[in-house]
């Protein structure tokens, strides 16, 4: 199964770039019918992960995906699953 991997380390301090990258990853997953997007926010202070979680809770984003799973071995990574 293919998946999309999105590493947000390079744009951690640019809120607009983070939103754009997340939206682009979601659009790519939907267009290509890819069922998994891996988002790497890092283990730092947790602010980037909170930003990602706020994005995922937006009313126009939430209906796009099926579920979210936090990586049990690495709290700086989460998986978003789509159901087609």
PDB file of N, CA and C in Angstrom:
ATOM      1  N   UNK A   1       0.853  -1.179   0.000  1.00  0.00           N
ATOM      2  CA  UNK A   1       0.000   0.000   0.000  1.00  0.00           C
ATOM      3  C   UNK A   1       0.896   1.238   0.000  1.00  0.00           C
ATOM      4  N   UNK A   2       0.650   2.135  -0.919  1.00  0.00           N
ATOM      5  CA  UNK A   2       1.436   3.367  -0.963  1.00  0.00           C
ATOM      6  C   UNK A   2       0.870   4.380   0.027  1.00  0.00           C
ATOM      7  N   UNK A   3       1.715   5.293   0.413  1.00  0.00           N
ATOM      8  CA  UNK A   3       1.274   6.350   1.311  1.00  0.00           C
ATOM      9  C   UNK A   3       2.046   7.627   1.003  1.00  0.00           C
ATOM     10  N   UNK A   4       1.561   8.730   1.554  1.00  0.00           N
ATOM     11  CA  UNK A   4       2.209  10.025   1.397  1.00  0.00           C
ATOM     12  C   UNK A   4       2.879  10.353   2.720  1.00  0.00           C
ATOM     13  N   UNK A   5       4.118  10.786   2.634  1.00  0.00           N
ATOM     14  CA  UNK A   5       4.873  11.156   3.830  1.00  0.00           C
ATOM     15  C   UNK A   5       5.113  12.658   3.791  1.00  0.00           C
ATOM     16  N   UNK A   6       4.686  13.356   4.833  1.00  0.00           N
ATOM     17  CA  UNK A   6       4.809  14.808   4.905  1.00  0.00           C
ATOM     18  C   UNK A   6       5.624  15.174   6.142  1.00  0.00           C
ATOM     19  N   UNK A   7       6.822  15.690   5.925  1.00  0.00           N
ATOM     20  CA  UNK A   7       7.703  16.102   7.016  1.00  0.00           C
ATOM     21  C   UNK A   7       7.607  17.622   7.153  1.00  0.00           C
ATOM     22  N   UNK A   8       7.165  18.084   8.295  1.00  0.00           N
ATOM     23  CA  UNK A   8       6.932  19.513   8.508  1.00  0.00           C
ATOM     24  C   UNK A   8       8.095  20.220   9.192  1.00  0.00           C
ATOM     25  N   UNK A   9       9.219  19.553   9.390  1.00  0.00           N
ATOM     26  CA  UNK A   9      10.351  20.166  10.074  1.00  0.00           C
ATOM     27  C   UNK A   9      10.868  21.430   9.379  1.00  0.00           C
ATOM     28  N   UNK A  10      10.904  21.408   8.065  1.00  0.00           N
ATOM     29  CA  UNK A  10      11.472  22.548   7.333  1.00  0.00           C
ATOM     30  C   UNK A  10      10.624  23.814   7.400  1.00  0.00           C
ATOM     31  N   UNK A  11       9.329  23.657   7.645  1.00  0.00           N
ATOM     32  CA  UNK A  11       8.433  24.822   7.627  1.00  0.00           C
ATOM     33  C   UNK A  11       7.749  25.024   8.983  1.00  0.00           C
ATOM     34  N   UNK A  12       8.384  24.584  10.058  1.00  0.00           N
ATOM     35  CA  UNK A  12       7.767  24.601  11.379  1.00  0.00           C
ATOM     36  C   UNK A  12       7.314  25.982  11.841  1.00  0.00           C
ATOM     37  N   UNK A  13       7.923  27.033  11.345  1.00  0.00           N
ATOM     38  CA  UNK A  13       7.586  28.374  11.834  1.00  0.00           C
ATOM     39  C   UNK A  13       6.760  29.195  10.844  1.00  0.00           C
ATOM     40  N   UNK A  14       6.244  28.571   9.798  1.00  0.00           N
ATOM     41  CA  UNK A  14       5.451  29.267   8.786  1.00  0.00           C
ATOM     42  C   UNK A  14       4.049  28.653   8.741  1.00  0.00           C
ATOM     43  N   UNK A  15       3.128  29.267   9.431  1.00  0.00           N
ATOM     44  CA  UNK A  15       1.784  28.723   9.580  1.00  0.00           C
ATOM     45  C   UNK A  15       1.074  28.533   8.241  1.00  0.00           C
ATOM     46  N   UNK A  16       1.210  29.488   7.364  1.00  0.00           N
ATOM     47  CA  UNK A  16       0.556  29.372   6.053  1.00  0.00           C
ATOM     48  C   UNK A  16       1.140  28.223   5.237  1.00  0.00           C
ATOM     49  N   UNK A  17       2.451  28.067   5.293  1.00  0.00           N
ATOM     50  CA  UNK A  17       3.105  26.977   4.556  1.00  0.00           C
ATOM     51  C   UNK A  17       2.688  25.618   5.114  1.00  0.00           C
ATOM     52  N   UNK A  18       2.502  25.537   6.424  1.00  0.00           N
ATOM     53  CA  UNK A  18       2.052  24.286   7.046  1.00  0.00           C
ATOM     54  C   UNK A  18       0.652  23.944   6.552  1.00  0.00           C
ATOM     55  N   UNK A  19      -0.254  24.907   6.592  1.00  0.00           N
ATOM     56  CA  UNK A  19      -1.617  24.678   6.110  1.00  0.00           C
ATOM     57  C   UNK A  19      -1.624  24.278   4.633  1.00  0.00           C
ATOM     58  N   UNK A  20      -0.809  24.960   3.842  1.00  0.00           N
ATOM     59  CA  UNK A  20      -0.743  24.671   2.415  1.00  0.00           C
ATOM     60  C   UNK A  20      -0.209  23.264   2.164  1.00  0.00           C
ATOM     61  N   UNK A  21       0.833  22.873   2.889  1.00  0.00           N
ATOM     62  CA  UNK A  21       1.416  21.543   2.725  1.00  0.00           C
ATOM     63  C   UNK A  21       0.437  20.451   3.144  1.00  0.00           C
ATOM     64  N   UNK A  22      -0.264  20.668   4.249  1.00  0.00           N
ATOM     65  CA  UNK A  22      -1.250  19.691   4.713  1.00  0.00           C
ATOM     66  C   UNK A  22      -2.393  19.559   3.709  1.00  0.00           C
ATOM     67  N   UNK A  23      -2.897  20.684   3.234  1.00  0.00           N
ATOM     68  CA  UNK A  23      -3.986  20.663   2.269  1.00  0.00           C
ATOM     69  C   UNK A  23      -3.555  19.981   0.972  1.00  0.00           C
ATOM     70  N   UNK A  24      -2.347  20.264   0.519  1.00  0.00           N
ATOM     71  CA  UNK A  24      -1.831  19.642  -0.702  1.00  0.00           C
ATOM     72  C   UNK A  24      -1.691  18.130  -0.532  1.00  0.00           C
ATOM     73  N   UNK A  25      -1.218  17.695   0.631  1.00  0.00           N
ATOM     74  CA  UNK A  25      -1.081  16.261   0.891  1.00  0.00           C
ATOM     75  C   UNK A  25      -2.454  15.589   0.889  1.00  0.00           C
ATOM     76  N   UNK A  26      -3.446  16.245   1.477  1.00  0.00           N
ATOM     77  CA  UNK A  26      -4.799  15.686   1.488  1.00  0.00           C
ATOM     78  C   UNK A  26      -5.366  15.621   0.074  1.00  0.00           C
ATOM     79  N   UNK A  27      -5.172  16.686  -0.703  1.00  0.00           N
ATOM     80  CA  UNK A  27      -5.675  16.702  -2.084  1.00  0.00           C
ATOM     81  C   UNK A  27      -5.014  15.615  -2.917  1.00  0.00           C
ATOM     82  N   UNK A  28      -3.700  15.437  -2.747  1.00  0.00           N
ATOM     83  CA  UNK A  28      -2.990  14.382  -3.472  1.00  0.00           C
ATOM     84  C   UNK A  28      -3.512  13.003  -3.087  1.00  0.00           C
ATOM     85  N   UNK A  29      -3.728  12.798  -1.806  1.00  0.00           N
ATOM     86  CA  UNK A  29      -4.223  11.499  -1.338  1.00  0.00           C
ATOM     87  C   UNK A  29      -5.605  11.205  -1.914  1.00  0.00           C
ATOM     88  N   UNK A  30      -6.460  12.201  -1.939  1.00  0.00           N
ATOM     89  CA  UNK A  30      -7.811  12.008  -2.460  1.00  0.00           C
ATOM     90  C   UNK A  30      -7.775  11.798  -3.971  1.00  0.00           C
ATOM     91  N   UNK A  31      -7.008  12.609  -4.679  1.00  0.00           N
ATOM     92  CA  UNK A  31      -6.921  12.493  -6.142  1.00  0.00           C
ATOM     93  C   UNK A  31      -6.344  11.149  -6.579  1.00  0.00           C
ATOM     94  N   UNK A  32      -5.324  10.692  -5.868  1.00  0.00           N
ATOM     95  CA  UNK A  32      -4.643   9.450  -6.240  1.00  0.00           C
ATOM     96  C   UNK A  32      -5.175   8.226  -5.492  1.00  0.00           C
ATOM     97  N   UNK A  33      -6.194   8.458  -4.661  1.00  0.00           N
ATOM     98  CA  UNK A  33      -6.820   7.393  -3.871  1.00  0.00           C
ATOM     99  C   UNK A  33      -5.802   6.664  -2.991  1.00  0.00           C
ATOM    100  N   UNK A  34      -4.968   7.430  -2.335  1.00  0.00           N
ATOM    101  CA  UNK A  34      -3.988   6.889  -1.397  1.00  0.00           C
ATOM    102  C   UNK A  34      -4.628   6.902  -0.014  1.00  0.00           C
ATOM    103  N   UNK A  35      -4.568   5.777   0.654  1.00  0.00           N
ATOM    104  CA  UNK A  35      -5.326   5.612   1.894  1.00  0.00           C
ATOM    105  C   UNK A  35      -4.614   6.088   3.153  1.00  0.00           C
ATOM    106  N   UNK A  36      -3.331   6.450   3.062  1.00  0.00           N
ATOM    107  CA  UNK A  36      -2.597   6.823   4.273  1.00  0.00           C
ATOM    108  C   UNK A  36      -1.695   8.020   4.024  1.00  0.00           C
ATOM    109  N   UNK A  37      -1.765   8.991   4.935  1.00  0.00           N
ATOM    110  CA  UNK A  37      -0.849  10.127   4.931  1.00  0.00           C
ATOM    111  C   UNK A  37      -0.122  10.117   6.270  1.00  0.00           C
ATOM    112  N   UNK A  38       1.196  10.075   6.206  1.00  0.00           N
ATOM    113  CA  UNK A  38       2.029  10.111   7.408  1.00  0.00           C
ATOM    114  C   UNK A  38       2.501  11.548   7.598  1.00  0.00           C
ATOM    115  N   UNK A  39       2.210  12.121   8.763  1.00  0.00           N
ATOM    116  CA  UNK A  39       2.598  13.499   9.057  1.00  0.00           C
ATOM    117  C   UNK A  39       3.627  13.475  10.177  1.00  0.00           C
ATOM    118  N   UNK A  40       4.808  14.019   9.896  1.00  0.00           N
ATOM    119  CA  UNK A  40       5.879  14.065  10.882  1.00  0.00           C
ATOM    120  C   UNK A  40       5.983  15.496  11.400  1.00  0.00           C
ATOM    121  N   UNK A  41       5.633  15.661  12.660  1.00  0.00           N
ATOM    122  CA  UNK A  41       5.693  16.992  13.258  1.00  0.00           C
ATOM    123  C   UNK A  41       6.882  17.140  14.195  1.00  0.00           C
ATOM    124  N   UNK A  42       7.508  16.057  14.562  1.00  0.00           N
ATOM    125  CA  UNK A  42       8.668  16.105  15.440  1.00  0.00           C
ATOM    126  C   UNK A  42       8.289  16.029  16.906  1.00  0.00           C
ATOM    127  N   UNK A  43       9.294  15.800  17.717  1.00  0.00           N
ATOM    128  CA  UNK A  43       9.073  15.589  19.152  1.00  0.00           C
ATOM    129  C   UNK A  43       9.283  16.849  19.981  1.00  0.00           C
ATOM    130  N   UNK A  44       9.619  17.938  19.390  1.00  0.00           N
ATOM    131  CA  UNK A  44       9.922  19.191  20.100  1.00  0.00           C
ATOM    132  C   UNK A  44       8.947  19.551  21.207  1.00  0.00           C
ATOM    133  N   UNK A  45       8.566  20.795  21.273  1.00  0.00           N
ATOM    134  CA  UNK A  45       7.691  21.284  22.339  1.00  0.00           C
ATOM    135  C   UNK A  45       6.241  20.856  22.146  1.00  0.00           C
ATOM    136  N   UNK A  46       5.918  20.361  20.973  1.00  0.00           N
ATOM    137  CA  UNK A  46       4.554  19.913  20.705  1.00  0.00           C
ATOM    138  C   UNK A  46       3.675  20.948  20.041  1.00  0.00           C
ATOM    139  N   UNK A  47       4.195  22.137  19.814  1.00  0.00           N
ATOM    140  CA  UNK A  47       3.395  23.198  19.206  1.00  0.00           C
ATOM    141  C   UNK A  47       3.025  22.875  17.761  1.00  0.00           C
ATOM    142  N   UNK A  48       3.939  22.280  17.022  1.00  0.00           N
ATOM    143  CA  UNK A  48       3.668  21.919  15.635  1.00  0.00           C
ATOM    144  C   UNK A  48       2.611  20.826  15.565  1.00  0.00           C
ATOM    145  N   UNK A  49       2.683  19.862  16.460  1.00  0.00           N
ATOM    146  CA  UNK A  49       1.682  18.790  16.486  1.00  0.00           C
ATOM    147  C   UNK A  49       0.308  19.362  16.830  1.00  0.00           C
ATOM    148  N   UNK A  50       0.270  20.312  17.750  1.00  0.00           N
ATOM    149  CA  UNK A  50      -1.003  20.948  18.098  1.00  0.00           C
ATOM    150  C   UNK A  50      -1.574  21.705  16.901  1.00  0.00           C
ATOM    151  N   UNK A  51      -0.704  22.350  16.131  1.00  0.00           N
ATOM    152  CA  UNK A  51      -1.138  23.055  14.917  1.00  0.00           C
ATOM    153  C   UNK A  51      -1.750  22.075  13.926  1.00  0.00           C
ATOM    154  N   UNK A  52      -1.106  20.918  13.755  1.00  0.00           N
ATOM    155  CA  UNK A  52      -1.617  19.891  12.851  1.00  0.00           C
ATOM    156  C   UNK A  52      -2.964  19.372  13.352  1.00  0.00           C
ATOM    157  N   UNK A  53      -3.082  19.137  14.642  1.00  0.00           N
ATOM    158  CA  UNK A  53      -4.340  18.635  15.200  1.00  0.00           C
ATOM    159  C   UNK A  53      -5.461  19.657  15.046  1.00  0.00           C
ATOM    160  N   UNK A  54      -5.162  20.945  15.198  1.00  0.00           N
ATOM    161  CA  UNK A  54      -6.178  21.984  14.975  1.00  0.00           C
ATOM    162  C   UNK A  54      -6.617  21.983  13.511  1.00  0.00           C
ATOM    163  N   UNK A  55      -5.661  21.818  12.602  1.00  0.00           N
ATOM    164  CA  UNK A  55      -5.984  21.748  11.177  1.00  0.00           C
ATOM    165  C   UNK A  55      -6.916  20.575  10.902  1.00  0.00           C
ATOM    166  N   UNK A  56      -6.627  19.432  11.485  1.00  0.00           N
ATOM    167  CA  UNK A  56      -7.430  18.234  11.241  1.00  0.00           C
ATOM    168  C   UNK A  56      -8.846  18.349  11.802  1.00  0.00           C
ATOM    169  N   UNK A  57      -9.056  19.234  12.752  1.00  0.00           N
ATOM    170  CA  UNK A  57     -10.383  19.409  13.347  1.00  0.00           C
ATOM    171  C   UNK A  57     -11.224  20.477  12.640  1.00  0.00           C
ATOM    172  N   UNK A  58     -10.656  21.142  11.647  1.00  0.00           N
ATOM    173  CA  UNK A  58     -11.411  22.171  10.917  1.00  0.00           C
ATOM    174  C   UNK A  58     -12.642  21.538  10.263  1.00  0.00           C
ATOM    175  N   UNK A  59     -13.770  22.257  10.264  1.00  0.00           N
ATOM    176  CA  UNK A  59     -15.023  21.683   9.744  1.00  0.00           C
ATOM    177  C   UNK A  59     -14.968  21.265   8.275  1.00  0.00           C
ATOM    178  N   UNK A  60     -14.170  21.925   7.458  1.00  0.00           N
ATOM    179  CA  UNK A  60     -14.093  21.550   6.049  1.00  0.00           C
ATOM    180  C   UNK A  60     -13.038  20.477   5.782  1.00  0.00           C
ATOM    181  N   UNK A  61     -12.204  20.166   6.762  1.00  0.00           N
ATOM    182  CA  UNK A  61     -11.168  19.141   6.611  1.00  0.00           C
ATOM    183  C   UNK A  61     -11.626  17.809   7.204  1.00  0.00           C
ATOM    184  N   UNK A  62     -12.307  17.863   8.316  1.00  0.00           N
ATOM    185  CA  UNK A  62     -12.699  16.641   9.039  1.00  0.00           C
ATOM    186  C   UNK A  62     -13.469  15.628   8.185  1.00  0.00           C
ATOM    187  N   UNK A  63     -14.374  16.029   7.307  1.00  0.00           N
ATOM    188  CA  UNK A  63     -15.093  15.029   6.489  1.00  0.00           C
ATOM    189  C   UNK A  63     -14.225  14.353   5.421  1.00  0.00           C
ATOM    190  N   UNK A  64     -13.030  14.875   5.177  1.00  0.00           N
ATOM    191  CA  UNK A  64     -12.192  14.331   4.118  1.00  0.00           C
ATOM    192  C   UNK A  64     -11.521  13.014   4.499  1.00  0.00           C
ATOM    193  N   UNK A  65     -11.246  12.817   5.783  1.00  0.00           N
ATOM    194  CA  UNK A  65     -10.521  11.620   6.204  1.00  0.00           C
ATOM    195  C   UNK A  65     -11.399  10.724   7.076  1.00  0.00           C
ATOM    196  N   UNK A  66     -10.928   9.498   7.253  1.00  0.00           N
ATOM    197  CA  UNK A  66     -11.684   8.498   8.001  1.00  0.00           C
ATOM    198  C   UNK A  66     -11.287   8.469   9.478  1.00  0.00           C
ATOM    199  N   UNK A  67      -9.965   8.382   9.751  1.00  0.00           N
ATOM    200  CA  UNK A  67      -9.511   8.331  11.137  1.00  0.00           C
ATOM    201  C   UNK A  67      -8.073   8.804  11.245  1.00  0.00           C
ATOM    202  N   UNK A  68      -7.673   9.098  12.487  1.00  0.00           N
ATOM    203  CA  UNK A  68      -6.313   9.526  12.806  1.00  0.00           C
ATOM    204  C   UNK A  68      -5.744   8.536  13.809  1.00  0.00           C
ATOM    205  N   UNK A  69      -4.476   8.203  13.631  1.00  0.00           N
ATOM    206  CA  UNK A  69      -3.830   7.295  14.565  1.00  0.00           C
ATOM    207  C   UNK A  69      -2.476   7.870  14.952  1.00  0.00           C
ATOM    208  N   UNK A  70      -2.229   7.991  16.256  1.00  0.00           N
ATOM    209  CA  UNK A  70      -0.923   8.438  16.736  1.00  0.00           C
ATOM    210  C   UNK A  70       0.016   7.250  16.756  1.00  0.00           C
ATOM    211  N   UNK A  71       1.260   7.480  16.393  1.00  0.00           N
ATOM    212  CA  UNK A  71       2.259   6.416  16.410  1.00  0.00           C
ATOM    213  C   UNK A  71       2.609   6.116  17.864  1.00  0.00           C
ATOM    214  N   UNK A  72       2.456   4.874  18.270  1.00  0.00           N
ATOM    215  CA  UNK A  72       2.703   4.501  19.659  1.00  0.00           C
ATOM    216  C   UNK A  72       4.194   4.534  20.009  1.00  0.00           C
ATOM    217  N   UNK A  73       5.057   4.401  19.026  1.00  0.00           N
ATOM    218  CA  UNK A  73       6.494   4.379  19.285  1.00  0.00           C
ATOM    219  C   UNK A  73       7.156   5.741  19.111  1.00  0.00           C
ATOM    220  N   UNK A  74       6.482   6.654  18.422  1.00  0.00           N
ATOM    221  CA  UNK A  74       7.057   7.960  18.126  1.00  0.00           C
ATOM    222  C   UNK A  74       5.952   9.008  18.220  1.00  0.00           C
ATOM    223  N   UNK A  75       5.909   9.763  19.312  1.00  0.00           N
ATOM    224  CA  UNK A  75       4.817  10.725  19.493  1.00  0.00           C
ATOM    225  C   UNK A  75       4.943  11.945  18.578  1.00  0.00           C
ATOM    226  N   UNK A  76       5.997  12.024  17.794  1.00  0.00           N
ATOM    227  CA  UNK A  76       6.163  13.123  16.842  1.00  0.00           C
ATOM    228  C   UNK A  76       5.642  12.785  15.459  1.00  0.00           C
ATOM    229  N   UNK A  77       4.854  11.717  15.359  1.00  0.00           N
ATOM    230  CA  UNK A  77       4.349  11.282  14.056  1.00  0.00           C
ATOM    231  C   UNK A  77       2.914  10.792  14.214  1.00  0.00           C
ATOM    232  N   UNK A  78       2.094  11.114  13.225  1.00  0.00           N
ATOM    233  CA  UNK A  78       0.731  10.591  13.225  1.00  0.00           C
ATOM    234  C   UNK A  78       0.330  10.195  11.816  1.00  0.00           C
ATOM    235  N   UNK A  79      -0.666   9.338  11.742  1.00  0.00           N
ATOM    236  CA  UNK A  79      -1.146   8.816  10.479  1.00  0.00           C
ATOM    237  C   UNK A  79      -2.600   9.223  10.294  1.00  0.00           C
ATOM    238  N   UNK A  80      -2.921   9.673   9.098  1.00  0.00           N
ATOM    239  CA  UNK A  80      -4.291  10.016   8.740  1.00  0.00           C
ATOM    240  C   UNK A  80      -4.722   9.012   7.679  1.00  0.00           C
ATOM    241  N   UNK A  81      -5.858   8.365   7.910  1.00  0.00           N
ATOM    242  CA  UNK A  81      -6.346   7.336   6.999  1.00  0.00           C
ATOM    243  C   UNK A  81      -7.592   7.810   6.267  1.00  0.00           C
ATOM    244  N   UNK A  82      -7.651   7.479   5.001  1.00  0.00           N
ATOM    245  CA  UNK A  82      -8.791   7.824   4.152  1.00  0.00           C
ATOM    246  C   UNK A  82      -9.534   6.551   3.801  1.00  0.00           C
ATOM    247  N   UNK A  83     -10.832   6.664   3.614  1.00  0.00           N
ATOM    248  CA  UNK A  83     -11.649   5.520   3.243  1.00  0.00           C
ATOM    249  C   UNK A  83     -12.288   5.819   1.895  1.00  0.00           C
ATOM    250  N   UNK A  84     -12.000   4.989   0.928  1.00  0.00           N
ATOM    251  CA  UNK A  84     -12.546   5.184  -0.415  1.00  0.00           C
ATOM    252  C   UNK A  84     -13.491   4.060  -0.755  1.00  0.00           C
TER     253      UNK A  84
END
